[in-house]
Structure formats: structure tokens, C-alpha cells
Full PDB file with SEQRES, HELIX, SHEET, SSBOND, CRYST1, ORIGX, SCALE, CONECT and MASTER records, all heavy atoms in Angstrom:
SEQRES   1 A   40  SER VAL LEU THR ASP PHE GLU ASN ASN THR PHE THR PRO          
SEQRES   2 A   40  THR PRO PRO HIS VAL ALA ALA LEU GLY LYS THR LEU ASP          
SEQRES   3 A   40  GLN VAL LEU ALA TRP SER ALA ALA LEU ALA THR LEU ARG          
SEQRES   4 A   40  VAL                                                          
HELIX    1 AA1 PRO A   15  ARG A   39  1                                  25    
SHEET    1 AA1 2 PHE A   6  GLU A   7  0                                        
SHEET    2 AA1 2 THR A  10  PHE A  11 -1                                        
CRYST1    1.000    1.000    1.000  90.00  90.00  90.00 P 1           1          
ORIGX1      1.000000  0.000000  0.000000        0.00000                         
ORIGX2      0.000000  1.000000  0.000000        0.00000                         
ORIGX3      0.000000  0.000000  1.000000        0.00000                         
SCALE1      1.000000  0.000000  0.000000        0.00000                         
SCALE2      0.000000  1.000000  0.000000        0.00000                         
SCALE3      0.000000  0.000000  1.000000        0.00000                         
ATOM      1  N   SER A   1      72.541 151.127 111.880  1.00  0.00           N  
ATOM      2  CA  SER A   1      72.083 152.232 112.691  1.00  0.00           C  
ATOM      3  C   SER A   1      72.613 153.549 112.146  1.00  0.00           C  
ATOM      4  O   SER A   1      73.835 153.693 111.918  1.00  0.00           O  
ATOM      5  CB  SER A   1      72.546 152.078 114.127  1.00  0.00           C  
ATOM      6  OG  SER A   1      72.271 153.278 114.880  1.00  0.00           O  
ATOM      7  N   VAL A   2      71.720 154.524 111.950  1.00  0.00           N  
ATOM      8  CA  VAL A   2      72.194 155.799 111.500  1.00  0.00           C  
ATOM      9  C   VAL A   2      72.893 156.580 112.641  1.00  0.00           C  
ATOM     10  O   VAL A   2      73.533 157.591 112.384  1.00  0.00           O  
ATOM     11  CB  VAL A   2      71.059 156.664 110.887  1.00  0.00           C  
ATOM     12  CG1 VAL A   2      70.509 156.045 109.672  1.00  0.00           C  
ATOM     13  CG2 VAL A   2      69.963 156.943 111.959  1.00  0.00           C  
ATOM     14  N   LEU A   3      72.806 156.070 113.847  1.00  0.00           N  
ATOM     15  CA  LEU A   3      73.420 156.809 115.002  1.00  0.00           C  
ATOM     16  C   LEU A   3      74.860 156.286 115.223  1.00  0.00           C  
ATOM     17  O   LEU A   3      75.726 157.074 115.631  1.00  0.00           O  
ATOM     18  CB  LEU A   3      72.620 156.554 116.260  1.00  0.00           C  
ATOM     19  CG  LEU A   3      71.179 157.095 116.252  1.00  0.00           C  
ATOM     20  CD1 LEU A   3      70.498 156.731 117.558  1.00  0.00           C  
ATOM     21  CD2 LEU A   3      71.222 158.621 116.036  1.00  0.00           C  
ATOM     22  N   THR A   4      75.121 155.007 115.001  1.00  0.00           N  
ATOM     23  CA  THR A   4      76.456 154.459 115.302  1.00  0.00           C  
ATOM     24  C   THR A   4      77.229 153.896 114.183  1.00  0.00           C  
ATOM     25  O   THR A   4      78.439 153.630 114.346  1.00  0.00           O  
ATOM     26  CB  THR A   4      76.261 153.310 116.416  1.00  0.00           C  
ATOM     27  OG1 THR A   4      75.434 152.268 115.853  1.00  0.00           O  
ATOM     28  CG2 THR A   4      75.636 153.878 117.677  1.00  0.00           C  
ATOM     29  N   ASP A   5      76.622 153.642 113.055  1.00  0.00           N  
ATOM     30  CA  ASP A   5      77.327 152.944 111.959  1.00  0.00           C  
ATOM     31  C   ASP A   5      77.819 153.882 110.850  1.00  0.00           C  
ATOM     32  O   ASP A   5      78.256 153.378 109.808  1.00  0.00           O  
ATOM     33  CB  ASP A   5      76.412 151.881 111.382  1.00  0.00           C  
ATOM     34  CG  ASP A   5      76.115 150.740 112.393  1.00  0.00           C  
ATOM     35  OD1 ASP A   5      76.968 150.493 113.255  1.00  0.00           O  
ATOM     36  OD2 ASP A   5      75.047 150.153 112.316  1.00  0.00           O  
ATOM     37  N   PHE A   6      77.680 155.175 111.069  1.00  0.00           N  
ATOM     38  CA  PHE A   6      78.196 156.128 110.052  1.00  0.00           C  
ATOM     39  C   PHE A   6      79.231 157.031 110.721  1.00  0.00           C  
ATOM     40  O   PHE A   6      79.167 157.384 111.858  1.00  0.00           O  
ATOM     41  CB  PHE A   6      76.978 157.032 109.591  1.00  0.00           C  
ATOM     42  CG  PHE A   6      76.117 156.330 108.656  1.00  0.00           C  
ATOM     43  CD1 PHE A   6      75.100 155.455 109.137  1.00  0.00           C  
ATOM     44  CD2 PHE A   6      76.199 156.505 107.295  1.00  0.00           C  
ATOM     45  CE1 PHE A   6      74.250 154.809 108.308  1.00  0.00           C  
ATOM     46  CE2 PHE A   6      75.341 155.834 106.389  1.00  0.00           C  
ATOM     47  CZ  PHE A   6      74.357 155.008 106.892  1.00  0.00           C  
ATOM     48  N   GLU A   7      80.275 157.315 109.951  1.00  0.00           N  
ATOM     49  CA  GLU A   7      81.338 158.166 110.363  1.00  0.00           C  
ATOM     50  C   GLU A   7      81.472 159.239 109.357  1.00  0.00           C  
ATOM     51  O   GLU A   7      81.781 158.981 108.169  1.00  0.00           O  
ATOM     52  CB  GLU A   7      82.650 157.364 110.466  1.00  0.00           C  
ATOM     53  CG  GLU A   7      83.758 158.023 111.187  1.00  0.00           C  
ATOM     54  CD  GLU A   7      84.916 157.126 111.414  1.00  0.00           C  
ATOM     55  OE1 GLU A   7      84.751 156.085 112.114  1.00  0.00           O  
ATOM     56  OE2 GLU A   7      86.047 157.475 110.908  1.00  0.00           O  
ATOM     57  N   ASN A   8      81.279 160.498 109.747  1.00  0.00           N  
ATOM     58  CA  ASN A   8      81.272 161.653 108.836  1.00  0.00           C  
ATOM     59  C   ASN A   8      80.381 161.446 107.623  1.00  0.00           C  
ATOM     60  O   ASN A   8      80.736 161.637 106.532  1.00  0.00           O  
ATOM     61  CB  ASN A   8      82.669 161.918 108.355  1.00  0.00           C  
ATOM     62  CG  ASN A   8      83.633 162.275 109.502  1.00  0.00           C  
ATOM     63  OD1 ASN A   8      83.256 163.010 110.415  1.00  0.00           O  
ATOM     64  ND2 ASN A   8      84.883 161.799 109.441  1.00  0.00           N  
ATOM     65  N   ASN A   9      79.154 161.006 107.902  1.00  0.00           N  
ATOM     66  CA  ASN A   9      78.136 160.742 106.897  1.00  0.00           C  
ATOM     67  C   ASN A   9      78.501 159.593 105.904  1.00  0.00           C  
ATOM     68  O   ASN A   9      77.943 159.522 104.834  1.00  0.00           O  
ATOM     69  CB  ASN A   9      77.783 162.005 106.152  1.00  0.00           C  
ATOM     70  CG  ASN A   9      77.085 162.978 107.001  1.00  0.00           C  
ATOM     71  OD1 ASN A   9      76.326 162.638 107.930  1.00  0.00           O  
ATOM     72  ND2 ASN A   9      77.370 164.291 106.761  1.00  0.00           N  
ATOM     73  N   THR A  10      79.416 158.786 106.276  1.00  0.00           N  
ATOM     74  CA  THR A  10      79.816 157.691 105.458  1.00  0.00           C  
ATOM     75  C   THR A  10      79.594 156.382 106.222  1.00  0.00           C  
ATOM     76  O   THR A  10      80.056 156.219 107.339  1.00  0.00           O  
ATOM     77  CB  THR A  10      81.294 157.723 105.033  1.00  0.00           C  
ATOM     78  OG1 THR A  10      81.504 158.989 104.371  1.00  0.00           O  
ATOM     79  CG2 THR A  10      81.727 156.593 104.156  1.00  0.00           C  
ATOM     80  N   PHE A  11      78.917 155.415 105.571  1.00  0.00           N  
ATOM     81  CA  PHE A  11      78.699 154.136 106.245  1.00  0.00           C  
ATOM     82  C   PHE A  11      79.993 153.373 106.379  1.00  0.00           C  
ATOM     83  O   PHE A  11      80.767 153.266 105.431  1.00  0.00           O  
ATOM     84  CB  PHE A  11      77.707 153.278 105.402  1.00  0.00           C  
ATOM     85  CG  PHE A  11      77.511 151.937 105.922  1.00  0.00           C  
ATOM     86  CD1 PHE A  11      77.104 151.649 107.236  1.00  0.00           C  
ATOM     87  CD2 PHE A  11      77.776 150.796 105.136  1.00  0.00           C  
ATOM     88  CE1 PHE A  11      76.932 150.411 107.755  1.00  0.00           C  
ATOM     89  CE2 PHE A  11      77.625 149.523 105.611  1.00  0.00           C  
ATOM     90  CZ  PHE A  11      77.264 149.331 106.945  1.00  0.00           C  
ATOM     91  N   THR A  12      80.292 152.957 107.575  1.00  0.00           N  
ATOM     92  CA  THR A  12      81.527 152.249 107.864  1.00  0.00           C  
ATOM     93  C   THR A  12      81.131 150.860 108.364  1.00  0.00           C  
ATOM     94  O   THR A  12      80.841 150.704 109.566  1.00  0.00           O  
ATOM     95  CB  THR A  12      82.308 153.003 108.962  1.00  0.00           C  
ATOM     96  OG1 THR A  12      82.396 154.351 108.571  1.00  0.00           O  
ATOM     97  CG2 THR A  12      83.652 152.401 109.120  1.00  0.00           C  
ATOM     98  N   PRO A  13      81.096 149.875 107.442  1.00  0.00           N  
ATOM     99  CA  PRO A  13      80.713 148.516 107.884  1.00  0.00           C  
ATOM    100  C   PRO A  13      81.688 147.918 108.862  1.00  0.00           C  
ATOM    101  O   PRO A  13      82.927 148.132 108.751  1.00  0.00           O  
ATOM    102  CB  PRO A  13      80.659 147.702 106.592  1.00  0.00           C  
ATOM    103  CG  PRO A  13      81.402 148.504 105.562  1.00  0.00           C  
ATOM    104  CD  PRO A  13      81.431 149.930 106.053  1.00  0.00           C  
ATOM    105  N   THR A  14      81.164 147.219 109.831  1.00  0.00           N  
ATOM    106  CA  THR A  14      81.918 146.514 110.845  1.00  0.00           C  
ATOM    107  C   THR A  14      81.982 145.044 110.508  1.00  0.00           C  
ATOM    108  O   THR A  14      81.180 144.566 109.701  1.00  0.00           O  
ATOM    109  CB  THR A  14      81.344 146.748 112.225  1.00  0.00           C  
ATOM    110  OG1 THR A  14      80.035 146.186 112.274  1.00  0.00           O  
ATOM    111  CG2 THR A  14      81.310 148.223 112.589  1.00  0.00           C  
ATOM    112  N   PRO A  15      82.879 144.273 111.119  1.00  0.00           N  
ATOM    113  CA  PRO A  15      82.820 142.814 110.900  1.00  0.00           C  
ATOM    114  C   PRO A  15      81.475 142.158 111.146  1.00  0.00           C  
ATOM    115  O   PRO A  15      81.095 141.301 110.339  1.00  0.00           O  
ATOM    116  CB  PRO A  15      83.927 142.320 111.860  1.00  0.00           C  
ATOM    117  CG  PRO A  15      84.939 143.439 111.915  1.00  0.00           C  
ATOM    118  CD  PRO A  15      84.041 144.678 111.951  1.00  0.00           C  
ATOM    119  N   PRO A  16      80.711 142.573 112.137  1.00  0.00           N  
ATOM    120  CA  PRO A  16      79.372 142.017 112.261  1.00  0.00           C  
ATOM    121  C   PRO A  16      78.417 142.331 111.116  1.00  0.00           C  
ATOM    122  O   PRO A  16      77.628 141.438 110.718  1.00  0.00           O  
ATOM    123  CB  PRO A  16      78.849 142.565 113.576  1.00  0.00           C  
ATOM    124  CG  PRO A  16      80.054 142.916 114.383  1.00  0.00           C  
ATOM    125  CD  PRO A  16      81.056 143.373 113.340  1.00  0.00           C  
ATOM    126  N   HIS A  17      78.537 143.506 110.501  1.00  0.00           N  
ATOM    127  CA  HIS A  17      77.776 143.844 109.370  1.00  0.00           C  
ATOM    128  C   HIS A  17      78.127 142.920 108.176  1.00  0.00           C  
ATOM    129  O   HIS A  17      77.253 142.366 107.455  1.00  0.00           O  
ATOM    130  CB  HIS A  17      78.002 145.267 108.856  1.00  0.00           C  
ATOM    131  CG  HIS A  17      77.402 146.341 109.763  1.00  0.00           C  
ATOM    132  ND1 HIS A  17      78.172 147.300 110.380  1.00  0.00           N  
ATOM    133  CD2 HIS A  17      76.132 146.506 110.162  1.00  0.00           C  
ATOM    134  CE1 HIS A  17      77.402 148.012 111.079  1.00  0.00           C  
ATOM    135  NE2 HIS A  17      76.128 147.603 111.026  1.00  0.00           N  
ATOM    136  N   VAL A  18      79.412 142.724 107.966  1.00  0.00           N  
ATOM    137  CA  VAL A  18      79.900 141.879 106.874  1.00  0.00           C  
ATOM    138  C   VAL A  18      79.432 140.439 107.044  1.00  0.00           C  
ATOM    139  O   VAL A  18      78.934 139.770 106.125  1.00  0.00           O  
ATOM    140  CB  VAL A  18      81.417 141.978 106.744  1.00  0.00           C  
ATOM    141  CG1 VAL A  18      81.936 141.010 105.689  1.00  0.00           C  
ATOM    142  CG2 VAL A  18      81.846 143.372 106.391  1.00  0.00           C  
ATOM    143  N   ALA A  19      79.513 139.955 108.297  1.00  0.00           N  
ATOM    144  CA  ALA A  19      79.090 138.578 108.624  1.00  0.00           C  
ATOM    145  C   ALA A  19      77.581 138.447 108.399  1.00  0.00           C  
ATOM    146  O   ALA A  19      77.089 137.434 107.840  1.00  0.00           O  
ATOM    147  CB  ALA A  19      79.450 138.191 110.040  1.00  0.00           C  
ATOM    148  N   ALA A  20      76.790 139.408 108.837  1.00  0.00           N  
ATOM    149  CA  ALA A  20      75.349 139.377 108.696  1.00  0.00           C  
ATOM    150  C   ALA A  20      75.003 139.350 107.249  1.00  0.00           C  
ATOM    151  O   ALA A  20      74.077 138.659 106.825  1.00  0.00           O  
ATOM    152  CB  ALA A  20      74.703 140.509 109.458  1.00  0.00           C  
ATOM    153  N   LEU A  21      75.625 140.203 106.441  1.00  0.00           N  
ATOM    154  CA  LEU A  21      75.360 140.255 104.995  1.00  0.00           C  
ATOM    155  C   LEU A  21      75.687 138.908 104.356  1.00  0.00           C  
ATOM    156  O   LEU A  21      74.888 138.376 103.558  1.00  0.00           O  
ATOM    157  CB  LEU A  21      76.128 141.373 104.338  1.00  0.00           C  
ATOM    158  CG  LEU A  21      75.890 141.527 102.814  1.00  0.00           C  
ATOM    159  CD1 LEU A  21      74.373 141.783 102.521  1.00  0.00           C  
ATOM    160  CD2 LEU A  21      76.757 142.634 102.241  1.00  0.00           C  
ATOM    161  N   GLY A  22      76.787 138.345 104.721  1.00  0.00           N  
ATOM    162  CA  GLY A  22      77.178 137.018 104.156  1.00  0.00           C  
ATOM    163  C   GLY A  22      76.155 135.941 104.502  1.00  0.00           C  
ATOM    164  O   GLY A  22      75.742 135.215 103.635  1.00  0.00           O  
ATOM    165  N   LYS A  23      75.719 135.931 105.737  1.00  0.00           N  
ATOM    166  CA  LYS A  23      74.708 134.950 106.136  1.00  0.00           C  
ATOM    167  C   LYS A  23      73.378 135.193 105.428  1.00  0.00           C  
ATOM    168  O   LYS A  23      72.714 134.195 105.028  1.00  0.00           O  
ATOM    169  CB  LYS A  23      74.476 134.962 107.673  1.00  0.00           C  
ATOM    170  CG  LYS A  23      75.671 134.408 108.451  1.00  0.00           C  
ATOM    171  CD  LYS A  23      75.438 134.507 109.922  1.00  0.00           C  
ATOM    172  CE  LYS A  23      76.587 133.941 110.685  1.00  0.00           C  
ATOM    173  NZ  LYS A  23      76.411 134.046 112.138  1.00  0.00           N  
ATOM    174  N   THR A  24      72.987 136.449 105.301  1.00  0.00           N  
ATOM    175  CA  THR A  24      71.734 136.776 104.634  1.00  0.00           C  
ATOM    176  C   THR A  24      71.782 136.338 103.164  1.00  0.00           C  
ATOM    177  O   THR A  24      70.890 135.717 102.657  1.00  0.00           O  
ATOM    178  CB  THR A  24      71.436 138.268 104.756  1.00  0.00           C  
ATOM    179  OG1 THR A  24      71.402 138.647 106.171  1.00  0.00           O  
ATOM    180  CG2 THR A  24      70.121 138.605 104.103  1.00  0.00           C  
ATOM    181  N   LEU A  25      72.871 136.708 102.464  1.00  0.00           N  
ATOM    182  CA  LEU A  25      73.023 136.309 101.037  1.00  0.00           C  
ATOM    183  C   LEU A  25      73.065 134.778 100.873  1.00  0.00           C  
ATOM    184  O   LEU A  25      72.443 134.264  99.966  1.00  0.00           O  
ATOM    185  CB  LEU A  25      74.271 136.976 100.466  1.00  0.00           C  
ATOM    186  CG  LEU A  25      74.186 138.478 100.233  1.00  0.00           C  
ATOM    187  CD1 LEU A  25      75.523 139.037  99.827  1.00  0.00           C  
ATOM    188  CD2 LEU A  25      73.098 138.819  99.281  1.00  0.00           C  
ATOM    189  N   ASP A  26      73.781 134.098 101.785  1.00  0.00           N  
ATOM    190  CA  ASP A  26      73.789 132.659 101.714  1.00  0.00           C  
ATOM    191  C   ASP A  26      72.438 132.100 101.844  1.00  0.00           C  
ATOM    192  O   ASP A  26      72.058 131.108 101.072  1.00  0.00           O  
ATOM    193  CB  ASP A  26      74.761 132.078 102.816  1.00  0.00           C  
ATOM    194  CG  ASP A  26      76.233 132.337 102.563  1.00  0.00           C  
ATOM    195  OD1 ASP A  26      76.542 132.675 101.392  1.00  0.00           O  
ATOM    196  OD2 ASP A  26      76.973 132.142 103.515  1.00  0.00           O  
ATOM    197  N   GLN A  27      71.602 132.586 102.755  1.00  0.00           N  
ATOM    198  CA  GLN A  27      70.282 132.089 102.924  1.00  0.00           C  
ATOM    199  C   GLN A  27      69.428 132.370 101.738  1.00  0.00           C  
ATOM    200  O   GLN A  27      68.628 131.534 101.292  1.00  0.00           O  
ATOM    201  CB  GLN A  27      69.619 132.615 104.143  1.00  0.00           C  
ATOM    202  CG  GLN A  27      70.055 131.961 105.453  1.00  0.00           C  
ATOM    203  CD  GLN A  27      69.194 132.355 106.627  1.00  0.00           C  
ATOM    204  OE1 GLN A  27      68.625 133.440 106.673  1.00  0.00           O  
ATOM    205  NE2 GLN A  27      69.043 131.458 107.587  1.00  0.00           N  
ATOM    206  N   VAL A  28      69.538 133.607 101.191  1.00  0.00           N  
ATOM    207  CA  VAL A  28      68.714 133.939  99.991  1.00  0.00           C  
ATOM    208  C   VAL A  28      69.069 133.001  98.847  1.00  0.00           C  
ATOM    209  O   VAL A  28      68.138 132.559  98.145  1.00  0.00           O  
ATOM    210  CB  VAL A  28      68.876 135.390  99.599  1.00  0.00           C  
ATOM    211  CG1 VAL A  28      68.349 135.707  98.217  1.00  0.00           C  
ATOM    212  CG2 VAL A  28      68.279 136.300 100.637  1.00  0.00           C  
ATOM    213  N   LEU A  29      70.310 132.734  98.603  1.00  0.00           N  
ATOM    214  CA  LEU A  29      70.714 131.872  97.547  1.00  0.00           C  
ATOM    215  C   LEU A  29      70.227 130.409  97.801  1.00  0.00           C  
ATOM    216  O   LEU A  29      69.732 129.762  96.855  1.00  0.00           O  
ATOM    217  CB  LEU A  29      72.240 131.866  97.386  1.00  0.00           C  
ATOM    218  CG  LEU A  29      72.814 133.150  96.820  1.00  0.00           C  
ATOM    219  CD1 LEU A  29      74.360 133.106  96.888  1.00  0.00           C  
ATOM    220  CD2 LEU A  29      72.360 133.452  95.428  1.00  0.00           C  
ATOM    221  N   ALA A  30      70.318 129.899  99.028  1.00  0.00           N  
ATOM    222  CA  ALA A  30      69.892 128.599  99.312  1.00  0.00           C  
ATOM    223  C   ALA A  30      68.391 128.430  99.141  1.00  0.00           C  
ATOM    224  O   ALA A  30      67.889 127.480  98.539  1.00  0.00           O  
ATOM    225  CB  ALA A  30      70.306 128.159 100.705  1.00  0.00           C  
ATOM    226  N   TRP A  31      67.635 129.412  99.666  1.00  0.00           N  
ATOM    227  CA  TRP A  31      66.159 129.356  99.533  1.00  0.00           C  
ATOM    228  C   TRP A  31      65.756 129.534  98.067  1.00  0.00           C  
ATOM    229  O   TRP A  31      64.768 128.932  97.611  1.00  0.00           O  
ATOM    230  CB  TRP A  31      65.514 130.454 100.396  1.00  0.00           C  
ATOM    231  CG  TRP A  31      65.353 130.054 101.798  1.00  0.00           C  
ATOM    232  CD1 TRP A  31      66.333 130.150 102.827  1.00  0.00           C  
ATOM    233  CD2 TRP A  31      64.225 129.442 102.410  1.00  0.00           C  
ATOM    234  NE1 TRP A  31      65.795 129.614 103.994  1.00  0.00           N  
ATOM    235  CE2 TRP A  31      64.536 129.204 103.768  1.00  0.00           C  
ATOM    236  CE3 TRP A  31      62.966 129.115 101.917  1.00  0.00           C  
ATOM    237  CZ2 TRP A  31      63.572 128.631 104.657  1.00  0.00           C  
ATOM    238  CZ3 TRP A  31      62.028 128.528 102.748  1.00  0.00           C  
ATOM    239  CH2 TRP A  31      62.357 128.301 104.150  1.00  0.00           C  
ATOM    240  N   SER A  32      66.465 130.365  97.337  1.00  0.00           N  
ATOM    241  CA  SER A  32      66.159 130.584  95.923  1.00  0.00           C  
ATOM    242  C   SER A  32      66.273 129.247  95.153  1.00  0.00           C  
ATOM    243  O   SER A  32      65.441 128.884  94.311  1.00  0.00           O  
ATOM    244  CB  SER A  32      67.034 131.650  95.291  1.00  0.00           C  
ATOM    245  OG  SER A  32      66.736 132.912  95.826  1.00  0.00           O  
ATOM    246  N   ALA A  33      67.344 128.552  95.434  1.00  0.00           N  
ATOM    247  CA  ALA A  33      67.578 127.199  94.758  1.00  0.00           C  
ATOM    248  C   ALA A  33      66.493 126.238  95.171  1.00  0.00           C  
ATOM    249  O   ALA A  33      65.950 125.502  94.353  1.00  0.00           O  
ATOM    250  CB  ALA A  33      68.939 126.692  95.155  1.00  0.00           C  
ATOM    251  N   ALA A  34      66.129 126.245  96.463  1.00  0.00           N  
ATOM    252  CA  ALA A  34      65.106 125.319  96.938  1.00  0.00           C  
ATOM    253  C   ALA A  34      63.739 125.612  96.326  1.00  0.00           C  
ATOM    254  O   ALA A  34      62.925 124.717  96.028  1.00  0.00           O  
ATOM    255  CB  ALA A  34      65.040 125.339  98.460  1.00  0.00           C  
ATOM    256  N   LEU A  35      63.438 126.885  96.126  1.00  0.00           N  
ATOM    257  CA  LEU A  35      62.187 127.271  95.600  1.00  0.00           C  
ATOM    258  C   LEU A  35      62.042 127.212  94.067  1.00  0.00           C  
ATOM    259  O   LEU A  35      60.962 127.322  93.486  1.00  0.00           O  
ATOM    260  CB  LEU A  35      61.821 128.741  96.001  1.00  0.00           C  
ATOM    261  CG  LEU A  35      61.561 128.904  97.501  1.00  0.00           C  
ATOM    262  CD1 LEU A  35      61.578 130.403  97.879  1.00  0.00           C  
ATOM    263  CD2 LEU A  35      60.207 128.250  97.879  1.00  0.00           C  
ATOM    264  N   ALA A  36      63.152 126.945  93.410  1.00  0.00           N  
ATOM    265  CA  ALA A  36      63.213 126.860  91.937  1.00  0.00           C  
ATOM    266  C   ALA A  36      62.252 125.801  91.388  1.00  0.00           C  
ATOM    267  O   ALA A  36      61.534 126.060  90.452  1.00  0.00           O  
ATOM    268  CB  ALA A  36      64.605 126.668  91.443  1.00  0.00           C  
ATOM    269  N   THR A  37      62.219 124.655  92.021  1.00  0.00           N  
ATOM    270  CA  THR A  37      61.321 123.610  91.545  1.00  0.00           C  
ATOM    271  C   THR A  37      59.865 123.992  91.711  1.00  0.00           C  
ATOM    272  O   THR A  37      59.017 123.649  90.869  1.00  0.00           O  
ATOM    273  CB  THR A  37      61.599 122.265  92.307  1.00  0.00           C  
ATOM    274  OG1 THR A  37      61.494 122.505  93.731  1.00  0.00           O  
ATOM    275  CG2 THR A  37      62.991 121.746  91.987  1.00  0.00           C  
ATOM    276  N   LEU A  38      59.561 124.717  92.726  1.00  0.00           N  
ATOM    277  CA  LEU A  38      58.137 125.159  92.958  1.00  0.00           C  
ATOM    278  C   LEU A  38      57.819 126.217  91.866  1.00  0.00           C  
ATOM    279  O   LEU A  38      56.695 126.134  91.347  1.00  0.00           O  
ATOM    280  CB  LEU A  38      58.032 125.839  94.336  1.00  0.00           C  
ATOM    281  CG  LEU A  38      56.677 126.295  94.742  1.00  0.00           C  
ATOM    282  CD1 LEU A  38      55.654 125.112  94.719  1.00  0.00           C  
ATOM    283  CD2 LEU A  38      56.705 126.889  96.155  1.00  0.00           C  
ATOM    284  N   ARG A  39      58.731 127.060  91.524  1.00  0.00           N  
ATOM    285  CA  ARG A  39      58.439 128.063  90.450  1.00  0.00           C  
ATOM    286  C   ARG A  39      58.265 127.364  89.132  1.00  0.00           C  
ATOM    287  O   ARG A  39      57.333 127.695  88.391  1.00  0.00           O  
ATOM    288  CB  ARG A  39      59.591 129.055  90.350  1.00  0.00           C  
ATOM    289  CG  ARG A  39      59.631 130.096  91.496  1.00  0.00           C  
ATOM    290  CD  ARG A  39      60.566 131.239  91.209  1.00  0.00           C  
ATOM    291  NE  ARG A  39      61.911 130.773  90.969  1.00  0.00           N  
ATOM    292  CZ  ARG A  39      62.854 130.601  91.976  1.00  0.00           C  
ATOM    293  NH1 ARG A  39      62.539 130.747  93.210  1.00  0.00           N  
ATOM    294  NH2 ARG A  39      64.091 130.208  91.614  1.00  0.00           N  
ATOM    295  N   VAL A  40      59.033 126.385  88.793  1.00  0.00           N  
ATOM    296  CA  VAL A  40      58.890 125.573  87.598  1.00  0.00           C  
ATOM    297  C   VAL A  40      57.538 124.870  87.550  1.00  0.00           C  
ATOM    298  O   VAL A  40      56.831 124.901  86.574  1.00  0.00           O  
ATOM    299  CB  VAL A  40      60.054 124.584  87.416  1.00  0.00           C  
ATOM    300  CG1 VAL A  40      59.757 123.625  86.310  1.00  0.00           C  
ATOM    301  CG2 VAL A  40      61.340 125.315  87.127  1.00  0.00           C  
TER     302      VAL A  40                                                      
MASTER        0    0    0    1    2    0    0    6  301    1    0    4          
END                                                                             
């Protein structure tokens, strides 16, 4: 959110942001591996 997640025009990630990014990246990596055989 540009209203609540920035402090003095600097993005300040919170623990929920870090957790969400970790889960998102984990899913992207898992799905990428699963789709590799389809790409081949």
C-alpha cells in the first residue's frame, strides 16, 4: 500500500510482506519445476 507501507517515501517492509514474498517465491519455484517437463 502506498498509503501505509511507506515511511518518508521509503518502502518499509513488514514481517507480513516478507512472509508473503517468501510464500510467493516458493510457489513460483515449485510451479516452475513442475512445468519444466511440459516445456520440454
